[in-house]
Amino acid sequence: MRPTSASLAAMALLCTSTLSCRAQPAEPRAAVIAAPVLAAEVTAVPGAKLGGSTGPGCPVGAASLRLIRMNHWGFDGKVHRGELIAHRDAVEPLLQVFGRAFDSRFPIRRMRVMAEYGGDDLKAMADDNTSAFNCRPVTGDGRRLSRHAWGDAVDINPVENPYVDRHGVVHPPAGREFLRRDSARPGMIEDGGVVVTAFRRVGWYWGGRWSNPDYQHFSASGG
């Protein structure tokens, strides 16, 4: 017996109201795109990652240091993978700070270990590189070691956040145009901004308040 128009209508209703009717193609599911995250990895430091950033007489050795690999936002609006070497005791506060910076999409130009610059801080600053451990003297004052030699200090976006040494020299030279801090630009660290606030929460100090300002510099000890 041929189905009547009433029975066909009933079948159509059944197909549209149940999941068991195979005659109705399943609607494609929308793709779920995961939001970018910091995705940090912490490991021991291979010797090649230290290179010229360490040497005889350094106050800490490789056993006290950790390699942090983590994502960061770039000035191009994309997520990049960076590397930072720091003292093992500095890892947790740094992850908290860079996690907050990442969530706020604060841009970081690049994040490479100092071995890629042969431990030369001037080259790293000129390249606008964000870094932590580097066994070296204070830039512009060779009489004493920088806190970077202990791995509990970090410099962020040196061009956008220059350092003025005790002789009045601006490091890096390209940072001179960023000495005026009254107009915020991408990558600049502002008093009360996300980066300064995050470091304050973990008990670290900002060099931007020094008489010879070091806007790029944060440390656990204040030095």
Protein backbone atom coordinates (compact mmCIF):
# COMPACT_ATOMS: atom_id res chain seq x y z
CA MET A 1 0.00 0.00 0.00
CA ARG A 2 1.34 3.38 -0.96
CA PRO A 3 1.80 5.84 1.92
CA THR A 4 -0.76 8.61 2.09
CA SER A 5 0.11 12.28 2.22
CA ALA A 6 -0.83 12.22 5.90
CA SER A 7 1.61 9.37 6.65
CA LEU A 8 4.37 11.14 4.70
CA ALA A 9 3.79 14.28 6.73
CA ALA A 10 4.01 12.23 9.91
CA MET A 11 7.31 10.69 8.79
CA ALA A 12 8.70 14.13 8.00
CA LEU A 13 7.68 15.35 11.44
CA LEU A 14 9.31 12.29 13.03
CA CYS A 15 12.55 12.87 11.15
CA THR A 16 12.81 16.47 12.22
CA SER A 17 12.01 15.77 15.85
CA THR A 18 14.17 12.69 16.63
CA LEU A 19 17.87 11.79 16.41
CA SER A 20 17.19 8.28 15.05
CA CYS A 21 16.11 9.28 11.56
CA ARG A 22 19.09 8.68 9.24
CA ALA A 23 17.45 10.45 6.34
CA GLN A 24 18.28 13.79 7.98
CA PRO A 25 21.99 14.71 7.64
CA ALA A 26 23.66 15.72 10.87
CA GLU A 27 24.52 19.40 11.17
CA PRO A 28 28.29 20.01 11.25
CA ARG A 29 29.65 20.97 14.65
CA ALA A 30 31.38 24.30 14.99
CA ALA A 31 35.14 23.96 15.42
CA VAL A 32 36.32 24.70 18.93
CA ILE A 33 39.43 26.91 18.91
CA ALA A 34 41.37 26.88 22.16
CA ALA A 35 42.42 30.25 23.50
CA PRO A 36 46.20 30.85 23.57
CA VAL A 37 47.87 30.17 26.91
CA LEU A 38 51.30 30.75 28.46
CA ALA A 39 52.09 27.00 28.17
CA ALA A 40 55.27 27.26 30.26
CA GLU A 41 57.84 24.45 30.49
CA VAL A 42 60.58 24.49 33.13
CA THR A 43 63.68 22.30 32.77
CA ALA A 44 67.32 22.09 33.75
CA VAL A 45 69.60 24.31 31.66
CA PRO A 46 71.66 22.61 28.94
CA GLY A 47 75.21 23.92 28.74
CA ALA A 48 74.67 25.24 25.21
CA LYS A 49 71.92 27.53 26.52
CA LEU A 50 74.36 29.18 28.92
CA GLY A 51 77.30 29.68 26.56
CA GLY A 52 78.99 33.04 27.06
CA SER A 53 76.45 34.16 29.67
CA THR A 54 78.40 32.37 32.42
CA GLY A 55 81.99 31.63 33.39
CA PRO A 56 84.47 31.27 36.27
CA GLY A 57 83.64 33.26 39.38
CA CYS A 58 79.90 33.49 38.74
CA PRO A 59 77.85 33.43 41.97
CA VAL A 60 75.47 30.71 40.75
CA GLY A 61 76.01 27.66 38.57
CA ALA A 62 73.86 25.71 36.18
CA ALA A 63 72.47 23.50 38.96
CA SER A 64 70.77 26.55 40.53
CA LEU A 65 69.30 27.79 37.24
CA ARG A 66 66.27 26.80 35.22
CA LEU A 67 65.31 27.19 31.57
CA ILE A 68 61.78 28.53 31.13
CA ARG A 69 60.11 28.10 27.76
CA MET A 70 56.85 30.00 27.44
CA ASN A 71 54.60 31.80 25.02
CA HIS A 72 54.38 35.55 24.74
CA TRP A 73 52.54 38.03 22.56
CA GLY A 74 54.64 39.82 19.98
CA PHE A 75 54.34 43.31 18.53
CA ASP A 76 52.80 41.64 15.47
CA GLY A 77 49.78 40.49 17.51
CA LYS A 78 50.84 36.84 17.26
CA VAL A 79 51.94 34.34 19.91
CA HIS A 80 55.65 33.44 19.92
CA ARG A 81 57.68 30.91 21.91
CA GLY A 82 60.39 32.43 24.09
CA GLU A 83 63.17 31.23 26.39
CA LEU A 84 64.36 32.71 29.66
CA ILE A 85 66.98 31.46 32.15
CA ALA A 86 66.47 32.34 35.80
CA HIS A 87 67.35 31.15 39.28
CA ARG A 88 65.17 28.26 40.41
CA ASP A 89 63.73 30.41 43.23
CA ALA A 90 62.67 33.03 40.70
CA VAL A 91 60.72 30.65 38.46
CA GLU A 92 57.38 30.78 40.27
CA PRO A 93 57.18 34.59 40.60
CA LEU A 94 58.27 35.02 36.98
CA LEU A 95 55.60 32.62 35.76
CA GLN A 96 52.99 34.57 37.70
CA VAL A 97 54.13 37.86 36.20
CA PHE A 98 54.48 36.68 32.62
CA GLY A 99 51.17 34.86 32.94
CA ARG A 100 49.43 38.12 33.80
CA ALA A 101 51.30 39.92 31.03
CA PHE A 102 50.23 37.22 28.56
CA ASP A 103 46.59 37.41 29.63
CA SER A 104 46.72 41.18 29.08
CA ARG A 105 48.39 40.72 25.68
CA PHE A 106 51.32 42.87 26.72
CA PRO A 107 53.71 42.67 23.72
CA ILE A 108 57.29 41.45 24.07
CA ARG A 109 59.64 41.97 21.13
CA ARG A 110 61.70 38.81 21.65
CA MET A 111 62.76 36.50 24.46
CA ARG A 112 66.06 34.70 23.87
CA VAL A 113 68.70 33.33 26.24
CA MET A 114 71.78 35.51 26.59
CA ALA A 115 74.02 32.80 25.09
CA GLU A 116 72.63 33.88 21.70
CA TYR A 117 74.33 37.25 22.25
CA GLY A 118 77.53 35.82 23.73
CA GLY A 119 76.50 37.32 27.08
CA ASP A 120 76.84 40.84 25.60
CA ASP A 121 74.17 42.97 27.29
CA LEU A 122 74.63 45.89 24.88
CA LYS A 123 73.87 43.65 21.89
CA ALA A 124 70.85 42.14 23.63
CA MET A 125 69.45 45.56 24.54
CA ALA A 126 69.97 46.86 21.01
CA ASP A 127 67.99 43.83 19.77
CA ASP A 128 65.16 44.69 22.22
CA ASN A 129 65.60 41.29 23.87
CA THR A 130 63.89 40.33 27.12
CA SER A 131 66.26 38.32 29.34
CA ALA A 132 67.05 37.31 32.91
CA PHE A 133 70.24 35.42 33.89
CA ASN A 134 73.52 36.84 32.61
CA CYS A 135 76.72 36.74 34.69
CA ARG A 136 77.98 40.27 34.03
CA PRO A 137 78.78 43.58 35.73
CA VAL A 138 76.24 46.38 36.01
CA THR A 139 76.01 48.09 32.62
CA GLY A 140 77.86 51.39 32.91
CA ASP A 141 79.43 50.42 36.25
CA GLY A 142 81.99 47.60 36.02
CA ARG A 143 82.82 47.76 39.74
CA ARG A 144 80.01 45.42 40.79
CA LEU A 145 78.01 42.46 39.52
CA SER A 146 74.50 42.93 38.22
CA ARG A 147 71.65 41.08 39.93
CA HIS A 148 71.30 39.26 36.61
CA ALA A 149 74.41 37.30 37.63
CA TRP A 150 72.26 35.67 40.35
CA GLY A 151 69.36 35.03 37.98
CA ASP A 152 66.78 36.90 40.04
CA ALA A 153 66.41 39.93 37.77
CA VAL A 154 64.78 40.44 34.39
CA ASP A 155 64.92 43.14 31.69
CA ILE A 156 61.82 43.59 29.51
CA ASN A 157 61.71 45.34 26.11
CA PRO A 158 64.91 47.39 26.61
CA VAL A 159 64.31 49.73 23.66
CA GLU A 160 60.84 50.76 24.84
CA ASN A 161 62.10 50.82 28.43
CA PRO A 162 65.63 52.25 28.41
CA TYR A 163 68.21 52.44 31.20
CA VAL A 164 70.04 55.66 32.10
CA ASP A 165 73.35 54.79 33.79
CA ARG A 166 75.14 56.82 36.46
CA HIS A 167 77.01 58.73 33.74
CA GLY A 168 73.77 59.73 32.01
CA VAL A 169 74.28 57.36 29.09
CA VAL A 170 71.09 55.88 27.64
CA HIS A 171 71.06 52.11 27.02
CA PRO A 172 70.28 51.18 24.32
CA PRO A 173 70.76 54.36 22.26
CA ALA A 174 67.53 53.64 20.35
CA GLY A 175 65.69 53.91 23.67
CA ARG A 176 66.31 57.65 23.92
CA GLU A 177 63.03 58.43 22.19
CA PHE A 178 61.21 56.48 24.92
CA LEU A 179 62.60 58.51 27.82
CA ARG A 180 59.41 60.55 27.81
CA ARG A 181 56.98 58.33 29.69
CA ASP A 182 53.87 60.53 29.55
CA SER A 183 52.53 58.93 26.35
CA ALA A 184 52.07 55.15 26.49
CA ARG A 185 53.17 53.12 23.49
CA PRO A 186 53.09 49.33 22.90
CA GLY A 187 55.63 47.48 25.02
CA MET A 188 56.26 50.38 27.40
CA ILE A 189 56.20 49.56 31.11
CA GLU A 190 54.00 52.00 33.00
CA ASP A 191 53.80 52.72 36.69
CA GLY A 192 50.49 51.17 37.72
CA GLY A 193 50.34 49.09 34.53
CA VAL A 194 49.96 45.32 34.31
CA VAL A 195 53.70 44.51 34.43
CA VAL A 196 54.62 46.77 37.36
CA THR A 197 51.52 45.67 39.28
CA ALA A 198 52.25 41.98 38.68
CA PHE A 199 55.85 42.31 39.88
CA ARG A 200 54.71 44.25 42.94
CA ARG A 201 52.35 41.40 43.83
CA VAL A 202 55.22 38.90 43.89
CA GLY A 203 57.43 41.25 45.92
CA TRP A 204 59.85 42.29 43.16
CA TYR A 205 61.14 45.83 42.66
CA TRP A 206 61.10 48.09 39.60
CA GLY A 207 64.14 50.09 38.49
CA GLY A 208 61.92 52.69 36.87
CA ARG A 209 61.71 54.51 40.20
CA TRP A 210 65.49 54.88 40.66
CA SER A 211 67.21 58.27 40.43
CA ASN A 212 68.97 56.82 37.38
CA PRO A 213 65.90 55.11 35.94
CA ASP A 214 66.11 51.57 34.61
CA TYR A 215 62.64 51.17 33.14
CA GLN A 216 63.31 47.67 31.76
CA HIS A 217 64.61 46.21 35.03
CA PHE A 218 62.88 44.19 37.79
CA SER A 219 64.59 42.26 40.58
CA ALA A 220 63.77 40.26 43.67
CA SER A 221 66.25 42.16 45.84
CA GLY A 222 65.76 45.69 44.56
CA GLY A 223 69.26 45.84 43.05
